mmCIF file of all heavy atoms, coordinates in Angstrom:
data_MODEL
# 
_entry.id   MODEL 
# 
loop_
_atom_site.group_PDB 
_atom_site.id 
_atom_site.type_symbol 
_atom_site.label_atom_id 
_atom_site.label_alt_id 
_atom_site.label_comp_id 
_atom_site.label_asym_id 
_atom_site.label_entity_id 
_atom_site.label_seq_id 
_atom_site.pdbx_PDB_ins_code 
_atom_site.Cartn_x 
_atom_site.Cartn_y 
_atom_site.Cartn_z 
_atom_site.occupancy 
_atom_site.B_iso_or_equiv 
_atom_site.pdbx_formal_charge 
_atom_site.auth_seq_id 
_atom_site.auth_comp_id 
_atom_site.auth_asym_id 
_atom_site.auth_atom_id 
_atom_site.pdbx_PDB_model_num 
ATOM 1   N N   . HIS A 1 1  ? 3.918  -9.437  -6.289  1.00 0.00 ? 1  HIS A N   1 
ATOM 2   C CA  . HIS A 1 1  ? 3.023  -10.476 -5.756  1.00 0.00 ? 1  HIS A CA  1 
ATOM 3   C C   . HIS A 1 1  ? 1.817  -9.834  -5.068  1.00 0.00 ? 1  HIS A C   1 
ATOM 4   O O   . HIS A 1 1  ? 0.681  -10.271 -5.235  1.00 0.00 ? 1  HIS A O   1 
ATOM 5   C CB  . HIS A 1 1  ? 3.759  -11.343 -4.726  1.00 0.00 ? 1  HIS A CB  1 
ATOM 6   C CG  . HIS A 1 1  ? 4.752  -12.282 -5.325  1.00 0.00 ? 1  HIS A CG  1 
ATOM 7   N ND1 . HIS A 1 1  ? 4.390  -13.337 -6.128  1.00 0.00 ? 1  HIS A ND1 1 
ATOM 8   C CD2 . HIS A 1 1  ? 6.100  -12.325 -5.233  1.00 0.00 ? 1  HIS A CD2 1 
ATOM 9   C CE1 . HIS A 1 1  ? 5.468  -13.999 -6.506  1.00 0.00 ? 1  HIS A CE1 1 
ATOM 10  N NE2 . HIS A 1 1  ? 6.527  -13.410 -5.970  1.00 0.00 ? 1  HIS A NE2 1 
ATOM 11  N N   . LEU A 1 2  ? 2.085  -8.790  -4.290  1.00 0.00 ? 2  LEU A N   1 
ATOM 12  C CA  . LEU A 1 2  ? 1.037  -8.086  -3.541  1.00 0.00 ? 2  LEU A CA  1 
ATOM 13  C C   . LEU A 1 2  ? 0.035  -7.454  -4.507  1.00 0.00 ? 2  LEU A C   1 
ATOM 14  O O   . LEU A 1 2  ? -1.180 -7.500  -4.298  1.00 0.00 ? 2  LEU A O   1 
ATOM 15  C CB  . LEU A 1 2  ? 1.680  -7.005  -2.663  1.00 0.00 ? 2  LEU A CB  1 
ATOM 16  C CG  . LEU A 1 2  ? 0.826  -6.370  -1.576  1.00 0.00 ? 2  LEU A CG  1 
ATOM 17  C CD1 . LEU A 1 2  ? 0.623  -7.364  -0.436  1.00 0.00 ? 2  LEU A CD1 1 
ATOM 18  C CD2 . LEU A 1 2  ? 1.492  -5.122  -1.029  1.00 0.00 ? 2  LEU A CD2 1 
ATOM 19  N N   . ASP A 1 3  ? 0.562  -6.873  -5.581  1.00 0.00 ? 3  ASP A N   1 
ATOM 20  C CA  . ASP A 1 3  ? -0.294 -6.167  -6.548  1.00 0.00 ? 3  ASP A CA  1 
ATOM 21  C C   . ASP A 1 3  ? -1.229 -7.120  -7.290  1.00 0.00 ? 3  ASP A C   1 
ATOM 22  O O   . ASP A 1 3  ? -2.218 -6.685  -7.860  1.00 0.00 ? 3  ASP A O   1 
ATOM 23  C CB  . ASP A 1 3  ? 0.575  -5.400  -7.558  1.00 0.00 ? 3  ASP A CB  1 
ATOM 24  C CG  . ASP A 1 3  ? 1.359  -4.279  -6.886  1.00 0.00 ? 3  ASP A CG  1 
ATOM 25  O OD1 . ASP A 1 3  ? 0.916  -3.822  -5.817  1.00 0.00 ? 3  ASP A OD1 1 
ATOM 26  O OD2 . ASP A 1 3  ? 2.408  -3.884  -7.419  1.00 0.00 ? 3  ASP A OD2 1 
ATOM 27  N N   . ARG A 1 4  ? -0.906 -8.416  -7.282  1.00 0.00 ? 4  ARG A N   1 
ATOM 28  C CA  . ARG A 1 4  ? -1.790 -9.378  -7.949  1.00 0.00 ? 4  ARG A CA  1 
ATOM 29  C C   . ARG A 1 4  ? -3.101 -9.526  -7.196  1.00 0.00 ? 4  ARG A C   1 
ATOM 30  O O   . ARG A 1 4  ? -4.119 -9.874  -7.787  1.00 0.00 ? 4  ARG A O   1 
ATOM 31  C CB  . ARG A 1 4  ? -1.112 -10.745 -8.053  1.00 0.00 ? 4  ARG A CB  1 
ATOM 32  C CG  . ARG A 1 4  ? -0.148 -10.882 -9.220  1.00 0.00 ? 4  ARG A CG  1 
ATOM 33  C CD  . ARG A 1 4  ? 0.278  -12.313 -9.454  1.00 0.00 ? 4  ARG A CD  1 
ATOM 34  N NE  . ARG A 1 4  ? -0.800 -13.231 -9.171  1.00 0.00 ? 4  ARG A NE  1 
ATOM 35  C CZ  . ARG A 1 4  ? -0.751 -14.178 -8.242  1.00 0.00 ? 4  ARG A CZ  1 
ATOM 36  N NH1 . ARG A 1 4  ? 0.313  -14.327 -7.513  1.00 0.00 ? 4  ARG A NH1 1 
ATOM 37  N NH2 . ARG A 1 4  ? -1.778 -14.975 -8.045  1.00 0.00 ? 4  ARG A NH2 1 
ATOM 38  N N   . GLY A 1 5  ? -3.085 -9.283  -5.876  1.00 0.00 ? 5  GLY A N   1 
ATOM 39  C CA  . GLY A 1 5  ? -4.291 -9.567  -5.104  1.00 0.00 ? 5  GLY A CA  1 
ATOM 40  C C   . GLY A 1 5  ? -4.821 -8.446  -4.230  1.00 0.00 ? 5  GLY A C   1 
ATOM 41  O O   . GLY A 1 5  ? -5.878 -8.589  -3.635  1.00 0.00 ? 5  GLY A O   1 
ATOM 42  N N   . TYR A 1 6  ? -4.066 -7.346  -4.110  1.00 0.00 ? 6  TYR A N   1 
ATOM 43  C CA  . TYR A 1 6  ? -4.543 -6.239  -3.271  1.00 0.00 ? 6  TYR A CA  1 
ATOM 44  C C   . TYR A 1 6  ? -4.614 -4.960  -4.089  1.00 0.00 ? 6  TYR A C   1 
ATOM 45  O O   . TYR A 1 6  ? -3.661 -4.601  -4.764  1.00 0.00 ? 6  TYR A O   1 
ATOM 46  C CB  . TYR A 1 6  ? -3.606 -6.029  -2.061  1.00 0.00 ? 6  TYR A CB  1 
ATOM 47  C CG  . TYR A 1 6  ? -3.710 -7.139  -1.046  1.00 0.00 ? 6  TYR A CG  1 
ATOM 48  C CD1 . TYR A 1 6  ? -2.851 -8.228  -1.089  1.00 0.00 ? 6  TYR A CD1 1 
ATOM 49  C CD2 . TYR A 1 6  ? -4.677 -7.104  -0.044  1.00 0.00 ? 6  TYR A CD2 1 
ATOM 50  C CE1 . TYR A 1 6  ? -2.950 -9.261  -0.161  1.00 0.00 ? 6  TYR A CE1 1 
ATOM 51  C CE2 . TYR A 1 6  ? -4.777 -8.136  0.890   1.00 0.00 ? 6  TYR A CE2 1 
ATOM 52  C CZ  . TYR A 1 6  ? -3.908 -9.206  0.823   1.00 0.00 ? 6  TYR A CZ  1 
ATOM 53  O OH  . TYR A 1 6  ? -4.012 -10.221 1.741   1.00 0.00 ? 6  TYR A OH  1 
ATOM 54  N N   . ASP A 1 7  ? -5.748 -4.304  -4.006  1.00 0.00 ? 7  ASP A N   1 
ATOM 55  C CA  . ASP A 1 7  ? -6.010 -3.078  -4.749  1.00 0.00 ? 7  ASP A CA  1 
ATOM 56  C C   . ASP A 1 7  ? -5.442 -1.898  -3.947  1.00 0.00 ? 7  ASP A C   1 
ATOM 57  O O   . ASP A 1 7  ? -6.039 -1.481  -2.962  1.00 0.00 ? 7  ASP A O   1 
ATOM 58  C CB  . ASP A 1 7  ? -7.540 -2.972  -4.921  1.00 0.00 ? 7  ASP A CB  1 
ATOM 59  C CG  . ASP A 1 7  ? -7.982 -1.765  -5.728  1.00 0.00 ? 7  ASP A CG  1 
ATOM 60  O OD1 . ASP A 1 7  ? -7.132 -0.914  -6.034  1.00 0.00 ? 7  ASP A OD1 1 
ATOM 61  O OD2 . ASP A 1 7  ? -9.177 -1.683  -6.042  1.00 0.00 ? 7  ASP A OD2 1 
ATOM 62  N N   . GLN A 1 8  ? -4.245 -1.440  -4.348  1.00 0.00 ? 8  GLN A N   1 
ATOM 63  C CA  . GLN A 1 8  ? -3.601 -0.252  -3.743  1.00 0.00 ? 8  GLN A CA  1 
ATOM 64  C C   . GLN A 1 8  ? -3.453 -0.365  -2.227  1.00 0.00 ? 8  GLN A C   1 
ATOM 65  O O   . GLN A 1 8  ? -3.860 0.515   -1.480  1.00 0.00 ? 8  GLN A O   1 
ATOM 66  C CB  . GLN A 1 8  ? -4.421 1.005   -4.063  1.00 0.00 ? 8  GLN A CB  1 
ATOM 67  C CG  . GLN A 1 8  ? -4.524 1.252   -5.552  1.00 0.00 ? 8  GLN A CG  1 
ATOM 68  C CD  . GLN A 1 8  ? -5.491 2.352   -5.876  1.00 0.00 ? 8  GLN A CD  1 
ATOM 69  O OE1 . GLN A 1 8  ? -6.640 2.324   -5.439  1.00 0.00 ? 8  GLN A OE1 1 
ATOM 70  N NE2 . GLN A 1 8  ? -5.053 3.333   -6.630  1.00 0.00 ? 8  GLN A NE2 1 
ATOM 71  N N   . MET A 1 9  ? -2.856 -1.451  -1.786  1.00 0.00 ? 9  MET A N   1 
ATOM 72  C CA  . MET A 1 9  ? -2.758 -1.700  -0.354  1.00 0.00 ? 9  MET A CA  1 
ATOM 73  C C   . MET A 1 9  ? -2.017 -0.599  0.396   1.00 0.00 ? 9  MET A C   1 
ATOM 74  O O   . MET A 1 9  ? -2.444 -0.162  1.459   1.00 0.00 ? 9  MET A O   1 
ATOM 75  C CB  . MET A 1 9  ? -2.076 -3.041  -0.083  1.00 0.00 ? 9  MET A CB  1 
ATOM 76  C CG  . MET A 1 9  ? -2.124 -3.416  1.381   1.00 0.00 ? 9  MET A CG  1 
ATOM 77  S SD  . MET A 1 9  ? -1.323 -4.981  1.684   1.00 0.00 ? 9  MET A SD  1 
ATOM 78  C CE  . MET A 1 9  ? -2.100 -5.455  3.212   1.00 0.00 ? 9  MET A CE  1 
ATOM 79  N N   . GLU A 1 10 ? -0.887 -0.149  -0.170  1.00 0.00 ? 10 GLU A N   1 
ATOM 80  C CA  . GLU A 1 10 ? -0.097 0.830   0.602   1.00 0.00 ? 10 GLU A CA  1 
ATOM 81  C C   . GLU A 1 10 ? -0.831 2.163   0.712   1.00 0.00 ? 10 GLU A C   1 
ATOM 82  O O   . GLU A 1 10 ? -0.766 2.842   1.742   1.00 0.00 ? 10 GLU A O   1 
ATOM 83  C CB  . GLU A 1 10 ? 1.322  0.996   0.029   1.00 0.00 ? 10 GLU A CB  1 
ATOM 84  C CG  . GLU A 1 10 ? 1.455  1.870   -1.189  1.00 0.00 ? 10 GLU A CG  1 
ATOM 85  C CD  . GLU A 1 10 ? 1.045  1.183   -2.480  1.00 0.00 ? 10 GLU A CD  1 
ATOM 86  O OE1 . GLU A 1 10 ? 0.634  0.007   -2.468  1.00 0.00 ? 10 GLU A OE1 1 
ATOM 87  O OE2 . GLU A 1 10 ? 1.141  1.842   -3.525  1.00 0.00 ? 10 GLU A OE2 1 
ATOM 88  N N   . ALA A 1 11 ? -1.596 2.542   -0.324  1.00 0.00 ? 11 ALA A N   1 
ATOM 89  C CA  . ALA A 1 11 ? -2.368 3.791   -0.273  1.00 0.00 ? 11 ALA A CA  1 
ATOM 90  C C   . ALA A 1 11 ? -3.454 3.679   0.807   1.00 0.00 ? 11 ALA A C   1 
ATOM 91  O O   . ALA A 1 11 ? -3.691 4.615   1.572   1.00 0.00 ? 11 ALA A O   1 
ATOM 92  C CB  . ALA A 1 11 ? -2.997 4.079   -1.635  1.00 0.00 ? 11 ALA A CB  1 
ATOM 93  N N   . LYS A 1 12 ? -4.105 2.512   0.888   1.00 0.00 ? 12 LYS A N   1 
ATOM 94  C CA  . LYS A 1 12 ? -5.140 2.310   1.911   1.00 0.00 ? 12 LYS A CA  1 
ATOM 95  C C   . LYS A 1 12 ? -4.531 2.355   3.309   1.00 0.00 ? 12 LYS A C   1 
ATOM 96  O O   . LYS A 1 12 ? -5.119 2.925   4.236   1.00 0.00 ? 12 LYS A O   1 
ATOM 97  C CB  . LYS A 1 12 ? -5.855 0.972   1.679   1.00 0.00 ? 12 LYS A CB  1 
ATOM 98  C CG  . LYS A 1 12 ? -6.760 0.980   0.451   1.00 0.00 ? 12 LYS A CG  1 
ATOM 99  C CD  . LYS A 1 12 ? -7.536 -0.314  0.331   1.00 0.00 ? 12 LYS A CD  1 
ATOM 100 C CE  . LYS A 1 12 ? -8.410 -0.308  -0.919  1.00 0.00 ? 12 LYS A CE  1 
ATOM 101 N NZ  . LYS A 1 12 ? -9.231 -1.521  -1.037  1.00 0.00 ? 12 LYS A NZ  1 
ATOM 102 N N   . LEU A 1 13 ? -3.355 1.728   3.478   1.00 0.00 ? 13 LEU A N   1 
ATOM 103 C CA  . LEU A 1 13 ? -2.702 1.728   4.793   1.00 0.00 ? 13 LEU A CA  1 
ATOM 104 C C   . LEU A 1 13 ? -2.261 3.138   5.187   1.00 0.00 ? 13 LEU A C   1 
ATOM 105 O O   . LEU A 1 13 ? -2.387 3.543   6.335   1.00 0.00 ? 13 LEU A O   1 
ATOM 106 C CB  . LEU A 1 13 ? -1.507 0.764   4.794   1.00 0.00 ? 13 LEU A CB  1 
ATOM 107 C CG  . LEU A 1 13 ? -1.866 -0.723  4.915   1.00 0.00 ? 13 LEU A CG  1 
ATOM 108 C CD1 . LEU A 1 13 ? -0.660 -1.598  4.617   1.00 0.00 ? 13 LEU A CD1 1 
ATOM 109 C CD2 . LEU A 1 13 ? -2.431 -1.043  6.304   1.00 0.00 ? 13 LEU A CD2 1 
ATOM 110 N N   . ARG A 1 14 ? -1.755 3.881   4.196   1.00 0.00 ? 14 ARG A N   1 
ATOM 111 C CA  . ARG A 1 14 ? -1.355 5.273   4.473   1.00 0.00 ? 14 ARG A CA  1 
ATOM 112 C C   . ARG A 1 14 ? -2.553 6.079   4.943   1.00 0.00 ? 14 ARG A C   1 
ATOM 113 O O   . ARG A 1 14 ? -2.456 6.903   5.841   1.00 0.00 ? 14 ARG A O   1 
ATOM 114 C CB  . ARG A 1 14 ? -0.745 5.912   3.218   1.00 0.00 ? 14 ARG A CB  1 
ATOM 115 C CG  . ARG A 1 14 ? 0.718  6.254   3.388   1.00 0.00 ? 14 ARG A CG  1 
ATOM 116 C CD  . ARG A 1 14 ? 1.287  7.181   2.338   1.00 0.00 ? 14 ARG A CD  1 
ATOM 117 N NE  . ARG A 1 14 ? 0.680  7.099   1.029   1.00 0.00 ? 14 ARG A NE  1 
ATOM 118 C CZ  . ARG A 1 14 ? 1.090  6.279   0.061   1.00 0.00 ? 14 ARG A CZ  1 
ATOM 119 N NH1 . ARG A 1 14 ? 2.087  5.439   0.274   1.00 0.00 ? 14 ARG A NH1 1 
ATOM 120 N NH2 . ARG A 1 14 ? 0.508  6.277   -1.107  1.00 0.00 ? 14 ARG A NH2 1 
ATOM 121 N N   . GLY A 1 15 ? -3.703 5.809   4.337   1.00 0.00 ? 15 GLY A N   1 
ATOM 122 C CA  . GLY A 1 15 ? -4.932 6.527   4.683   1.00 0.00 ? 15 GLY A CA  1 
ATOM 123 C C   . GLY A 1 15 ? -5.373 6.305   6.124   1.00 0.00 ? 15 GLY A C   1 
ATOM 124 O O   . GLY A 1 15 ? -6.135 7.097   6.676   1.00 0.00 ? 15 GLY A O   1 
ATOM 125 N N   . ILE A 1 16 ? -4.904 5.210   6.750   1.00 0.00 ? 16 ILE A N   1 
ATOM 126 C CA  . ILE A 1 16 ? -5.278 4.963   8.156   1.00 0.00 ? 16 ILE A CA  1 
ATOM 127 C C   . ILE A 1 16 ? -4.058 5.115   9.083   1.00 0.00 ? 16 ILE A C   1 
ATOM 128 O O   . ILE A 1 16 ? -4.050 4.597   10.203  1.00 0.00 ? 16 ILE A O   1 
ATOM 129 C CB  . ILE A 1 16 ? -5.977 3.593   8.352   1.00 0.00 ? 16 ILE A CB  1 
ATOM 130 C CG1 . ILE A 1 16 ? -5.188 2.449   7.707   1.00 0.00 ? 16 ILE A CG1 1 
ATOM 131 C CG2 . ILE A 1 16 ? -7.392 3.633   7.812   1.00 0.00 ? 16 ILE A CG2 1 
ATOM 132 C CD1 . ILE A 1 16 ? -5.786 1.057   7.951   1.00 0.00 ? 16 ILE A CD1 1 
ATOM 133 N N   . GLY A 1 17 ? -3.026 5.832   8.591   1.00 0.00 ? 17 GLY A N   1 
ATOM 134 C CA  . GLY A 1 17 ? -1.955 6.246   9.494   1.00 0.00 ? 17 GLY A CA  1 
ATOM 135 C C   . GLY A 1 17 ? -0.650 5.477   9.432   1.00 0.00 ? 17 GLY A C   1 
ATOM 136 O O   . GLY A 1 17 ? 0.264  5.750   10.212  1.00 0.00 ? 17 GLY A O   1 
ATOM 137 N N   . ALA A 1 18 ? -0.526 4.518   8.506   1.00 0.00 ? 18 ALA A N   1 
ATOM 138 C CA  . ALA A 1 18 ? 0.735  3.777   8.410   1.00 0.00 ? 18 ALA A CA  1 
ATOM 139 C C   . ALA A 1 18 ? 1.793  4.640   7.719   1.00 0.00 ? 18 ALA A C   1 
ATOM 140 O O   . ALA A 1 18 ? 1.464  5.459   6.859   1.00 0.00 ? 18 ALA A O   1 
ATOM 141 C CB  . ALA A 1 18 ? 0.532  2.478   7.640   1.00 0.00 ? 18 ALA A CB  1 
ATOM 142 N N   . ASP A 1 19 ? 3.059  4.440   8.112   1.00 0.00 ? 19 ASP A N   1 
ATOM 143 C CA  . ASP A 1 19 ? 4.177  5.108   7.438   1.00 0.00 ? 19 ASP A CA  1 
ATOM 144 C C   . ASP A 1 19 ? 4.723  4.114   6.420   1.00 0.00 ? 19 ASP A C   1 
ATOM 145 O O   . ASP A 1 19 ? 5.561  3.261   6.729   1.00 0.00 ? 19 ASP A O   1 
ATOM 146 C CB  . ASP A 1 19 ? 5.254  5.494   8.467   1.00 0.00 ? 19 ASP A CB  1 
ATOM 147 C CG  . ASP A 1 19 ? 6.365  6.341   7.837   1.00 0.00 ? 19 ASP A CG  1 
ATOM 148 O OD1 . ASP A 1 19 ? 6.462  6.356   6.597   1.00 0.00 ? 19 ASP A OD1 1 
ATOM 149 O OD2 . ASP A 1 19 ? 7.119  6.970   8.591   1.00 0.00 ? 19 ASP A OD2 1 
ATOM 150 N N   . ILE A 1 20 ? 4.191  4.182   5.196   1.00 0.00 ? 20 ILE A N   1 
ATOM 151 C CA  . ILE A 1 20 ? 4.521  3.185   4.181   1.00 0.00 ? 20 ILE A CA  1 
ATOM 152 C C   . ILE A 1 20 ? 4.581  3.864   2.825   1.00 0.00 ? 20 ILE A C   1 
ATOM 153 O O   . ILE A 1 20 ? 3.741  4.699   2.504   1.00 0.00 ? 20 ILE A O   1 
ATOM 154 C CB  . ILE A 1 20 ? 3.469  2.036   4.200   1.00 0.00 ? 20 ILE A CB  1 
ATOM 155 C CG1 . ILE A 1 20 ? 3.785  0.953   3.153   1.00 0.00 ? 20 ILE A CG1 1 
ATOM 156 C CG2 . ILE A 1 20 ? 2.054  2.556   3.999   1.00 0.00 ? 20 ILE A CG2 1 
ATOM 157 C CD1 . ILE A 1 20 ? 2.917  -0.308  3.327   1.00 0.00 ? 20 ILE A CD1 1 
ATOM 158 N N   . GLU A 1 21 ? 5.603  3.542   2.032   1.00 0.00 ? 21 GLU A N   1 
ATOM 159 C CA  . GLU A 1 21 ? 5.673  4.120   0.685   1.00 0.00 ? 21 GLU A CA  1 
ATOM 160 C C   . GLU A 1 21 ? 6.255  3.125   -0.305  1.00 0.00 ? 21 GLU A C   1 
ATOM 161 O O   . GLU A 1 21 ? 7.025  2.231   0.052   1.00 0.00 ? 21 GLU A O   1 
ATOM 162 C CB  . GLU A 1 21 ? 6.506  5.418   0.690   1.00 0.00 ? 21 GLU A CB  1 
ATOM 163 C CG  . GLU A 1 21 ? 7.934  5.237   1.151   1.00 0.00 ? 21 GLU A CG  1 
ATOM 164 C CD  . GLU A 1 21 ? 8.707  6.558   1.191   1.00 0.00 ? 21 GLU A CD  1 
ATOM 165 O OE1 . GLU A 1 21 ? 8.557  7.348   0.250   1.00 0.00 ? 21 GLU A OE1 1 
ATOM 166 O OE2 . GLU A 1 21 ? 9.461  6.760   2.159   1.00 0.00 ? 21 GLU A OE2 1 
ATOM 167 N N   . ARG A 1 22 ? 5.846  3.309   -1.541  1.00 0.00 ? 22 ARG A N   1 
ATOM 168 C CA  . ARG A 1 22 ? 6.332  2.462   -2.624  1.00 0.00 ? 22 ARG A CA  1 
ATOM 169 C C   . ARG A 1 22 ? 7.567  3.121   -3.220  1.00 0.00 ? 22 ARG A C   1 
ATOM 170 O O   . ARG A 1 22 ? 7.536  4.308   -3.553  1.00 0.00 ? 22 ARG A O   1 
ATOM 171 C CB  . ARG A 1 22 ? 5.223  2.344   -3.681  1.00 0.00 ? 22 ARG A CB  1 
ATOM 172 C CG  . ARG A 1 22 ? 5.525  1.406   -4.832  1.00 0.00 ? 22 ARG A CG  1 
ATOM 173 C CD  . ARG A 1 22 ? 4.333  1.360   -5.782  1.00 0.00 ? 22 ARG A CD  1 
ATOM 174 N NE  . ARG A 1 22 ? 3.238  0.561   -5.232  1.00 0.00 ? 22 ARG A NE  1 
ATOM 175 C CZ  . ARG A 1 22 ? 2.904  -0.649  -5.689  1.00 0.00 ? 22 ARG A CZ  1 
ATOM 176 N NH1 . ARG A 1 22 ? 3.554  -1.195  -6.683  1.00 0.00 ? 22 ARG A NH1 1 
ATOM 177 N NH2 . ARG A 1 22 ? 1.907  -1.307  -5.144  1.00 0.00 ? 22 ARG A NH2 1 
ATOM 178 N N   . ILE A 1 23 ? 8.635  2.369   -3.339  1.00 0.00 ? 23 ILE A N   1 
ATOM 179 C CA  . ILE A 1 23 ? 9.854  2.927   -3.940  1.00 0.00 ? 23 ILE A CA  1 
ATOM 180 C C   . ILE A 1 23 ? 10.351 1.983   -5.033  1.00 0.00 ? 23 ILE A C   1 
ATOM 181 O O   . ILE A 1 23 ? 9.982  0.816   -5.084  1.00 0.00 ? 23 ILE A O   1 
ATOM 182 C CB  . ILE A 1 23 ? 10.970 3.149   -2.877  1.00 0.00 ? 23 ILE A CB  1 
ATOM 183 C CG1 . ILE A 1 23 ? 11.312 1.833   -2.178  1.00 0.00 ? 23 ILE A CG1 1 
ATOM 184 C CG2 . ILE A 1 23 ? 10.555 4.199   -1.854  1.00 0.00 ? 23 ILE A CG2 1 
ATOM 185 C CD1 . ILE A 1 23 ? 12.517 1.932   -1.269  1.00 0.00 ? 23 ILE A CD1 1 
ATOM 186 N N   . GLN A 1 24 ? 11.211 2.514   -5.886  1.00 0.00 ? 24 GLN A N   1 
ATOM 187 C CA  . GLN A 1 24 ? 11.761 1.696   -6.976  1.00 0.00 ? 24 GLN A CA  1 
ATOM 188 C C   . GLN A 1 24 ? 12.929 0.856   -6.480  1.00 0.00 ? 24 GLN A C   1 
ATOM 189 O O   . GLN A 1 24 ? 13.721 1.309   -5.694  1.00 0.00 ? 24 GLN A O   1 
ATOM 190 C CB  . GLN A 1 24 ? 12.246 2.606   -8.103  1.00 0.00 ? 24 GLN A CB  1 
ATOM 191 C CG  . GLN A 1 24 ? 11.110 3.267   -8.855  1.00 0.00 ? 24 GLN A CG  1 
ATOM 192 C CD  . GLN A 1 24 ? 10.272 2.286   -9.669  1.00 0.00 ? 24 GLN A CD  1 
ATOM 193 O OE1 . GLN A 1 24 ? 10.789 1.297   -10.168 1.00 0.00 ? 24 GLN A OE1 1 
ATOM 194 N NE2 . GLN A 1 24 ? 8.980  2.554   -9.792  1.00 0.00 ? 24 GLN A NE2 1 
# 
């Protein structure tokens, strides 16, 4: 659902210091 409307959200959040990762 997120990928339908946000362009690489977790990568952007990681870039500003969030501890977030995509897993299977």
